[in-house]
Amino acid sequence: MNTPASPTPPASSAPVRLLIVDDDPLVRAGLTLMLGGDQGIDIVGEGADGVEVEELVERLRPDVVLMDIRMPVMDGLTATERLRRRPDAPEVVVLTTFHADEQVLRAIRAGAAGFVLKDTPPARIVDSVRRVAAGDPVLSPAVTRQLMARAAGGGRDDRADRARRRFGQLAEREQEVAVAVGRGASNAEIAASLYLSVATVKTHVSRILAKLELNNRVQIALLVHDAGLLDTDDGGGSHLG
């Protein structure tokens, strides 16, 4: 698994502390080889099952956990749900060979900030880990397309009503920012389109997360799509896909 060279991080940047959790030792070895060669990533440990995750996080203090979905005792989605309930929980990037809709939705609702397929090119997995650590959630393009289709699928009426009620808790400017997040816009792009400073956009995003009790920007995007506030083909921006 050869990894194209990633840009060298600034000297002042601390490497991303990464924990890899996968039940297949060959996959763990491959990921360690692939990701460990990046100067911006420090692999602090490995786990073989979801039951180990909380203890490993407590002991190793990673910034990001790269989590397999399918493991024999506790699957990665359950482990993610448990982990993200902790105060100061690390970000989670879910890694899987599958991209079923319900897995995507459950991972996002559990608080995963990224979702990549195991056949994703190595450089993109490296980039995903680094971006998530920087607060910029990512999804594989195929996953994003399925998520948008699922948001327009069955059971939409009840889901849309609930999402709109929650969306109505936001102030007008917060709603504008939330919709922009749903389109996949970065903070800089939102600032430019709404004539705000980047710092003000960050404040609005933080308030949205707090008011709606959400974990990250991906969950804001899901709420916006559930509420029917975007067309299904209007959410494939680079920051979500």
C-alpha atoms as a PDB file:
ATOM      1  CA  MET A   1       0.000   0.000   0.000  1.00  0.00           C
ATOM      2  CA  ASN A   2       2.171   2.856  -1.281  1.00  0.00           C
ATOM      3  CA  THR A   3       1.149   6.311  -0.186  1.00  0.00           C
ATOM      4  CA  PRO A   4       1.827   9.381  -2.304  1.00  0.00           C
ATOM      5  CA  ALA A   5       3.746  11.940  -0.318  1.00  0.00           C
ATOM      6  CA  SER A   6       1.502  14.283   1.624  1.00  0.00           C
ATOM      7  CA  PRO A   7       2.358  17.948   2.020  1.00  0.00           C
ATOM      8  CA  THR A   8       4.796  18.491   4.868  1.00  0.00           C
ATOM      9  CA  PRO A   9       2.982  20.159   7.777  1.00  0.00           C
ATOM     10  CA  PRO A  10       4.316  23.389   9.221  1.00  0.00           C
ATOM     11  CA  ALA A  11       7.052  22.820  11.787  1.00  0.00           C
ATOM     12  CA  SER A  12       4.850  24.288  14.503  1.00  0.00           C
ATOM     13  CA  SER A  13       2.031  21.810  13.827  1.00  0.00           C
ATOM     14  CA  ALA A  14       1.725  18.945  16.273  1.00  0.00           C
ATOM     15  CA  PRO A  15       1.144  15.590  14.543  1.00  0.00           C
ATOM     16  CA  VAL A  16      -2.379  14.170  14.670  1.00  0.00           C
ATOM     17  CA  ARG A  17      -2.504  11.454  17.333  1.00  0.00           C
ATOM     18  CA  LEU A  18      -4.271   8.516  15.670  1.00  0.00           C
ATOM     19  CA  LEU A  19      -5.712   5.284  17.098  1.00  0.00           C
ATOM     20  CA  ILE A  20      -6.482   2.505  14.589  1.00  0.00           C
ATOM     21  CA  VAL A  21      -9.224  -0.007  15.468  1.00  0.00           C
ATOM     22  CA  ASP A  22      -9.835  -2.998  13.161  1.00  0.00           C
ATOM     23  CA  ASP A  23     -10.229  -6.699  13.877  1.00  0.00           C
ATOM     24  CA  ASP A  24      -8.069  -7.734  10.894  1.00  0.00           C
ATOM     25  CA  PRO A  25      -4.346  -7.616  11.796  1.00  0.00           C
ATOM     26  CA  LEU A  26      -3.389  -7.350   8.119  1.00  0.00           C
ATOM     27  CA  VAL A  27      -5.637  -4.305   7.682  1.00  0.00           C
ATOM     28  CA  ARG A  28      -4.152  -2.718  10.805  1.00  0.00           C
ATOM     29  CA  ALA A  29      -0.653  -3.380   9.515  1.00  0.00           C
ATOM     30  CA  GLY A  30      -1.510  -1.887   6.133  1.00  0.00           C
ATOM     31  CA  LEU A  31      -3.087   1.195   7.670  1.00  0.00           C
ATOM     32  CA  THR A  32      -0.136   1.642  10.001  1.00  0.00           C
ATOM     33  CA  LEU A  33       2.274   1.441   7.067  1.00  0.00           C
ATOM     34  CA  MET A  34       0.153   3.782   4.962  1.00  0.00           C
ATOM     35  CA  LEU A  35      -0.621   6.404   7.590  1.00  0.00           C
ATOM     36  CA  GLY A  36       2.516   6.130   9.679  1.00  0.00           C
ATOM     37  CA  GLY A  37       4.607   7.393   6.791  1.00  0.00           C
ATOM     38  CA  ASP A  38       2.903  10.760   6.911  1.00  0.00           C
ATOM     39  CA  GLN A  39       4.827  13.345   8.931  1.00  0.00           C
ATOM     40  CA  GLY A  40       1.594  14.882  10.173  1.00  0.00           C
ATOM     41  CA  ILE A  41       0.267  11.674  11.765  1.00  0.00           C
ATOM     42  CA  ASP A  42       1.481   9.912  14.899  1.00  0.00           C
ATOM     43  CA  ILE A  43      -0.059   6.433  15.337  1.00  0.00           C
ATOM     44  CA  VAL A  44      -0.338   6.097  19.110  1.00  0.00           C
ATOM     45  CA  GLY A  45      -1.907   2.635  19.233  1.00  0.00           C
ATOM     46  CA  GLU A  46      -4.068  -0.101  17.736  1.00  0.00           C
ATOM     47  CA  GLY A  47      -7.178  -1.981  18.841  1.00  0.00           C
ATOM     48  CA  ALA A  48      -8.762  -5.200  17.565  1.00  0.00           C
ATOM     49  CA  ASP A  49     -12.363  -4.694  18.726  1.00  0.00           C
ATOM     50  CA  GLY A  50     -14.805  -2.007  19.778  1.00  0.00           C
ATOM     51  CA  VAL A  51     -14.758  -3.178  23.395  1.00  0.00           C
ATOM     52  CA  GLU A  52     -11.161  -1.930  23.690  1.00  0.00           C
ATOM     53  CA  VAL A  53     -11.812   1.569  22.400  1.00  0.00           C
ATOM     54  CA  GLU A  54     -12.747   3.463  25.561  1.00  0.00           C
ATOM     55  CA  GLU A  55      -9.819   2.082  27.562  1.00  0.00           C
ATOM     56  CA  LEU A  56      -7.401   2.819  24.725  1.00  0.00           C
ATOM     57  CA  VAL A  57      -8.734   6.361  24.334  1.00  0.00           C
ATOM     58  CA  GLU A  58      -8.456   6.956  28.073  1.00  0.00           C
ATOM     59  CA  ARG A  59      -4.846   5.756  28.096  1.00  0.00           C
ATOM     60  CA  LEU A  60      -3.535   7.030  24.750  1.00  0.00           C
ATOM     61  CA  ARG A  61      -5.508  10.285  24.282  1.00  0.00           C
ATOM     62  CA  PRO A  62      -5.759  10.195  20.464  1.00  0.00           C
ATOM     63  CA  ASP A  63      -7.086  13.141  18.453  1.00  0.00           C
ATOM     64  CA  VAL A  64      -8.756  10.826  15.917  1.00  0.00           C
ATOM     65  CA  VAL A  65      -9.907   7.195  15.967  1.00  0.00           C
ATOM     66  CA  LEU A  66      -9.971   5.356  12.624  1.00  0.00           C
ATOM     67  CA  MET A  67     -12.723   2.817  13.333  1.00  0.00           C
ATOM     68  CA  ASP A  68     -13.760  -0.269  11.393  1.00  0.00           C
ATOM     69  CA  ILE A  69     -17.504  -0.911  11.323  1.00  0.00           C
ATOM     70  CA  ARG A  70     -17.614  -4.710  11.390  1.00  0.00           C
ATOM     71  CA  MET A  71     -15.916  -6.276  14.403  1.00  0.00           C
ATOM     72  CA  PRO A  72     -16.895  -9.497  16.204  1.00  0.00           C
ATOM     73  CA  VAL A  73     -17.694  -8.465  19.799  1.00  0.00           C
ATOM     74  CA  MET A  74     -18.616  -4.772  19.598  1.00  0.00           C
ATOM     75  CA  ASP A  75     -19.046  -3.221  16.163  1.00  0.00           C
ATOM     76  CA  GLY A  76     -17.560   0.140  15.291  1.00  0.00           C
ATOM     77  CA  LEU A  77     -20.892   1.959  15.233  1.00  0.00           C
ATOM     78  CA  THR A  78     -21.722   0.953  18.812  1.00  0.00           C
ATOM     79  CA  ALA A  79     -18.192   1.840  19.877  1.00  0.00           C
ATOM     80  CA  THR A  80     -18.553   5.231  18.182  1.00  0.00           C
ATOM     81  CA  GLU A  81     -21.848   5.922  19.945  1.00  0.00           C
ATOM     82  CA  ARG A  82     -20.309   5.096  23.318  1.00  0.00           C
ATOM     83  CA  LEU A  83     -17.123   7.006  22.638  1.00  0.00           C
ATOM     84  CA  ARG A  84     -18.825  10.197  21.461  1.00  0.00           C
ATOM     85  CA  ARG A  85     -20.834  10.402  24.694  1.00  0.00           C
ATOM     86  CA  ARG A  86     -17.596  11.016  26.586  1.00  0.00           C
ATOM     87  CA  PRO A  87     -16.485  14.571  27.394  1.00  0.00           C
ATOM     88  CA  ASP A  88     -13.610  15.683  25.150  1.00  0.00           C
ATOM     89  CA  ALA A  89     -14.096  12.633  22.929  1.00  0.00           C
ATOM     90  CA  PRO A  90     -11.731  12.285  19.957  1.00  0.00           C
ATOM     91  CA  GLU A  91     -13.091  12.596  16.447  1.00  0.00           C
ATOM     92  CA  VAL A  92     -14.008   9.350  14.697  1.00  0.00           C
ATOM     93  CA  VAL A  93     -13.471   8.393  11.066  1.00  0.00           C
ATOM     94  CA  VAL A  94     -15.445   5.249  10.250  1.00  0.00           C
ATOM     95  CA  LEU A  95     -13.744   2.867   7.833  1.00  0.00           C
ATOM     96  CA  THR A  96     -15.652   0.100   6.078  1.00  0.00           C
ATOM     97  CA  THR A  97     -15.868  -2.070   2.978  1.00  0.00           C
ATOM     98  CA  PHE A  98     -19.611  -1.395   2.863  1.00  0.00           C
ATOM     99  CA  HIS A  99     -21.646   1.781   2.370  1.00  0.00           C
ATOM    100  CA  ALA A 100     -25.205   0.769   3.242  1.00  0.00           C
ATOM    101  CA  ASP A 101     -27.480   3.731   3.939  1.00  0.00           C
ATOM    102  CA  GLU A 102     -28.362   2.786   7.496  1.00  0.00           C
ATOM    103  CA  GLN A 103     -24.704   2.390   8.421  1.00  0.00           C
ATOM    104  CA  VAL A 104     -23.945   5.832   7.005  1.00  0.00           C
ATOM    105  CA  LEU A 105     -26.818   7.450   8.871  1.00  0.00           C
ATOM    106  CA  ARG A 106     -26.149   5.669  12.153  1.00  0.00           C
ATOM    107  CA  ALA A 107     -22.451   6.594  12.036  1.00  0.00           C
ATOM    108  CA  ILE A 108     -23.265  10.247  11.407  1.00  0.00           C
ATOM    109  CA  ARG A 109     -25.991  10.381  14.030  1.00  0.00           C
ATOM    110  CA  ALA A 110     -23.561   8.770  16.478  1.00  0.00           C
ATOM    111  CA  GLY A 111     -21.144  11.633  15.900  1.00  0.00           C
ATOM    112  CA  ALA A 112     -18.646  10.256  13.370  1.00  0.00           C
ATOM    113  CA  ALA A 113     -16.962  13.155  11.586  1.00  0.00           C
ATOM    114  CA  GLY A 114     -15.806  11.112   8.609  1.00  0.00           C
ATOM    115  CA  PHE A 115     -16.825   7.997   6.713  1.00  0.00           C
ATOM    116  CA  VAL A 116     -14.472   6.481   4.125  1.00  0.00           C
ATOM    117  CA  LEU A 117     -14.494   3.193   2.244  1.00  0.00           C
ATOM    118  CA  LYS A 118     -11.561   0.804   2.522  1.00  0.00           C
ATOM    119  CA  ASP A 119     -10.981   1.072  -1.225  1.00  0.00           C
ATOM    120  CA  THR A 120     -10.513   4.827  -0.887  1.00  0.00           C
ATOM    121  CA  PRO A 121      -7.085   5.828  -2.307  1.00  0.00           C
ATOM    122  CA  PRO A 122      -4.458   5.959   0.465  1.00  0.00           C
ATOM    123  CA  ALA A 123      -3.743   9.657   0.003  1.00  0.00           C
ATOM    124  CA  ARG A 124      -7.425  10.447   0.527  1.00  0.00           C
ATOM    125  CA  ILE A 125      -7.557   8.459   3.780  1.00  0.00           C
ATOM    126  CA  VAL A 126      -4.503  10.384   5.010  1.00  0.00           C
ATOM    127  CA  ASP A 127      -6.179  13.637   3.983  1.00  0.00           C
ATOM    128  CA  SER A 128      -9.430  12.611   5.705  1.00  0.00           C
ATOM    129  CA  VAL A 129      -7.676  11.947   9.026  1.00  0.00           C
ATOM    130  CA  ARG A 130      -5.863  15.268   8.899  1.00  0.00           C
ATOM    131  CA  ARG A 131      -8.948  17.257   7.883  1.00  0.00           C
ATOM    132  CA  VAL A 132     -11.136  15.695  10.570  1.00  0.00           C
ATOM    133  CA  ALA A 133      -8.486  16.502  13.171  1.00  0.00           C
ATOM    134  CA  ALA A 134      -8.631  20.106  11.954  1.00  0.00           C
ATOM    135  CA  GLY A 135     -12.417  20.200  12.422  1.00  0.00           C
ATOM    136  CA  ASP A 136     -13.383  19.675   8.791  1.00  0.00           C
ATOM    137  CA  PRO A 137     -15.616  16.562   8.513  1.00  0.00           C
ATOM    138  CA  VAL A 138     -15.369  14.445   5.375  1.00  0.00           C
ATOM    139  CA  LEU A 139     -17.309  11.721   3.614  1.00  0.00           C
ATOM    140  CA  SER A 140     -16.432   9.652   0.560  1.00  0.00           C
ATOM    141  CA  PRO A 141     -18.243  10.912  -2.566  1.00  0.00           C
ATOM    142  CA  ALA A 142     -20.163   7.616  -2.890  1.00  0.00           C
ATOM    143  CA  VAL A 143     -21.277   7.899   0.725  1.00  0.00           C
ATOM    144  CA  THR A 144     -22.384  11.517   0.238  1.00  0.00           C
ATOM    145  CA  ARG A 145     -24.534  10.552  -2.757  1.00  0.00           C
ATOM    146  CA  GLN A 146     -26.200   7.763  -0.790  1.00  0.00           C
ATOM    147  CA  LEU A 147     -26.778  10.044   2.173  1.00  0.00           C
ATOM    148  CA  MET A 148     -28.509  12.638   0.012  1.00  0.00           C
ATOM    149  CA  ALA A 149     -30.637   9.962  -1.652  1.00  0.00           C
ATOM    150  CA  ARG A 150     -31.561   8.526   1.757  1.00  0.00           C
ATOM    151  CA  ALA A 151     -32.581  11.979   2.984  1.00  0.00           C
ATOM    152  CA  ALA A 152     -35.085  12.091   0.118  1.00  0.00           C
ATOM    153  CA  GLY A 153     -36.255   8.493   0.618  1.00  0.00           C
ATOM    154  CA  GLY A 154     -38.944   6.690   2.557  1.00  0.00           C
ATOM    155  CA  GLY A 155     -40.300   8.084   5.817  1.00  0.00           C
ATOM    156  CA  ARG A 156     -39.312  11.574   4.741  1.00  0.00           C
ATOM    157  CA  ASP A 157     -42.469  13.360   5.955  1.00  0.00           C
ATOM    158  CA  ASP A 158     -42.062  12.502   9.646  1.00  0.00           C
ATOM    159  CA  ARG A 159     -38.321  13.027   9.515  1.00  0.00           C
ATOM    160  CA  ALA A 160     -38.735  16.368   7.735  1.00  0.00           C
ATOM    161  CA  ASP A 161     -41.289  17.591  10.286  1.00  0.00           C
ATOM    162  CA  ARG A 162     -38.962  16.758  13.183  1.00  0.00           C
ATOM    163  CA  ALA A 163     -35.992  18.341  11.433  1.00  0.00           C
ATOM    164  CA  ARG A 164     -37.923  21.531  10.642  1.00  0.00           C
ATOM    165  CA  ARG A 165     -39.041  21.899  14.236  1.00  0.00           C
ATOM    166  CA  ARG A 166     -35.426  21.634  15.392  1.00  0.00           C
ATOM    167  CA  PHE A 167     -34.264  23.972  12.648  1.00  0.00           C
ATOM    168  CA  GLY A 168     -36.843  26.508  13.854  1.00  0.00           C
ATOM    169  CA  GLN A 169     -34.966  26.788  17.165  1.00  0.00           C
ATOM    170  CA  LEU A 170     -32.221  28.674  15.356  1.00  0.00           C
ATOM    171  CA  ALA A 171     -32.026  32.412  14.838  1.00  0.00           C
ATOM    172  CA  GLU A 172     -32.301  33.655  11.254  1.00  0.00           C
ATOM    173  CA  ARG A 173     -28.563  34.108  10.723  1.00  0.00           C
ATOM    174  CA  GLU A 174     -27.879  30.705  12.299  1.00  0.00           C
ATOM    175  CA  GLN A 175     -30.343  29.173   9.850  1.00  0.00           C
ATOM    176  CA  GLU A 176     -28.477  30.761   6.935  1.00  0.00           C
ATOM    177  CA  VAL A 177     -25.197  29.394   8.224  1.00  0.00           C
ATOM    178  CA  ALA A 178     -26.708  25.936   8.769  1.00  0.00           C
ATOM    179  CA  VAL A 179     -28.022  25.774   5.201  1.00  0.00           C
ATOM    180  CA  ALA A 180     -24.591  26.788   3.895  1.00  0.00           C
ATOM    181  CA  VAL A 181     -23.024  24.010   5.990  1.00  0.00           C
ATOM    182  CA  GLY A 182     -25.551  21.635   4.444  1.00  0.00           C
ATOM    183  CA  ARG A 183     -24.261  22.601   1.006  1.00  0.00           C
ATOM    184  CA  GLY A 184     -20.753  21.626   2.093  1.00  0.00           C
ATOM    185  CA  ALA A 185     -19.383  25.164   2.260  1.00  0.00           C
ATOM    186  CA  SER A 186     -16.276  25.886   4.305  1.00  0.00           C
ATOM    187  CA  ASN A 187     -16.212  28.608   6.952  1.00  0.00           C
ATOM    188  CA  ALA A 188     -14.380  30.896   4.541  1.00  0.00           C
ATOM    189  CA  GLU A 189     -16.941  30.293   1.806  1.00  0.00           C
ATOM    190  CA  ILE A 190     -19.819  30.932   4.227  1.00  0.00           C
ATOM    191  CA  ALA A 191     -18.160  34.124   5.436  1.00  0.00           C
ATOM    192  CA  ALA A 192     -17.786  35.406   1.876  1.00  0.00           C
ATOM    193  CA  SER A 193     -21.359  34.579   0.862  1.00  0.00           C
ATOM    194  CA  LEU A 194     -22.971  36.060   3.989  1.00  0.00           C
ATOM    195  CA  TYR A 195     -20.564  39.011   4.387  1.00  0.00           C
ATOM    196  CA  LEU A 196     -19.344  37.842   7.780  1.00  0.00           C
ATOM    197  CA  SER A 197     -15.913  37.269   9.259  1.00  0.00           C
ATOM    198  CA  VAL A 198     -14.642  33.695   9.518  1.00  0.00           C
ATOM    199  CA  ALA A 199     -14.555  34.096  13.307  1.00  0.00           C
ATOM    200  CA  THR A 200     -18.247  35.061  13.322  1.00  0.00           C
ATOM    201  CA  VAL A 201     -19.118  32.039  11.186  1.00  0.00           C
ATOM    202  CA  LYS A 202     -17.261  29.781  13.638  1.00  0.00           C
ATOM    203  CA  THR A 203     -19.247  31.326  16.488  1.00  0.00           C
ATOM    204  CA  HIS A 204     -22.534  30.693  14.665  1.00  0.00           C
ATOM    205  CA  VAL A 205     -21.548  27.069  13.959  1.00  0.00           C
ATOM    206  CA  SER A 206     -20.676  26.550  17.627  1.00  0.00           C
ATOM    207  CA  ARG A 207     -24.034  27.994  18.681  1.00  0.00           C
ATOM    208  CA  ILE A 208     -25.898  25.773  16.218  1.00  0.00           C
ATOM    209  CA  LEU A 209     -24.149  22.685  17.572  1.00  0.00           C
ATOM    210  CA  ALA A 210     -24.926  23.691  21.159  1.00  0.00           C
ATOM    211  CA  LYS A 211     -28.572  24.630  20.554  1.00  0.00           C
ATOM    212  CA  LEU A 212     -29.379  21.462  18.621  1.00  0.00           C
ATOM    213  CA  GLU A 213     -27.114  19.194  20.705  1.00  0.00           C
ATOM    214  CA  LEU A 214     -25.191  18.018  17.656  1.00  0.00           C
ATOM    215  CA  ASN A 215     -21.627  16.711  17.503  1.00  0.00           C
ATOM    216  CA  ASN A 216     -20.297  18.177  14.282  1.00  0.00           C
ATOM    217  CA  ARG A 217     -20.946  19.838  10.927  1.00  0.00           C
ATOM    218  CA  VAL A 218     -21.926  16.578   9.245  1.00  0.00           C
ATOM    219  CA  GLN A 219     -24.877  16.298  11.623  1.00  0.00           C
ATOM    220  CA  ILE A 220     -25.876  19.891  10.797  1.00  0.00           C
ATOM    221  CA  ALA A 221     -25.817  18.955   7.116  1.00  0.00           C
ATOM    222  CA  LEU A 222     -27.936  15.865   7.763  1.00  0.00           C
ATOM    223  CA  LEU A 223     -30.514  17.951   9.643  1.00  0.00           C
ATOM    224  CA  VAL A 224     -30.674  20.468   6.790  1.00  0.00           C
ATOM    225  CA  HIS A 225     -31.241  17.703   4.268  1.00  0.00           C
ATOM    226  CA  ASP A 226     -33.775  15.932   6.489  1.00  0.00           C
ATOM    227  CA  ALA A 227     -35.685  19.223   6.698  1.00  0.00           C
ATOM    228  CA  GLY A 228     -35.885  19.361   2.903  1.00  0.00           C
ATOM    229  CA  LEU A 229     -34.080  22.686   2.712  1.00  0.00           C
ATOM    230  CA  LEU A 230     -31.817  21.635  -0.164  1.00  0.00           C
ATOM    231  CA  ASP A 231     -32.307  19.715  -3.369  1.00  0.00           C
ATOM    232  CA  THR A 232     -30.865  16.194  -3.226  1.00  0.00           C
ATOM    233  CA  ASP A 233     -28.215  17.146  -5.811  1.00  0.00           C
ATOM    234  CA  ASP A 234     -27.248  20.335  -3.962  1.00  0.00           C
ATOM    235  CA  GLY A 235     -25.084  18.894  -1.209  1.00  0.00           C
ATOM    236  CA  GLY A 236     -22.018  17.375  -2.792  1.00  0.00           C
ATOM    237  CA  GLY A 237     -19.494  20.055  -1.896  1.00  0.00           C
ATOM    238  CA  SER A 238     -15.919  19.121  -1.207  1.00  0.00           C
ATOM    239  CA  HIS A 239     -16.209  19.535   2.553  1.00  0.00           C
ATOM    240  CA  LEU A 240     -18.767  16.779   2.860  1.00  0.00           C
ATOM    241  CA  GLY A 241     -17.780  14.642  -0.041  1.00  0.00           C
END
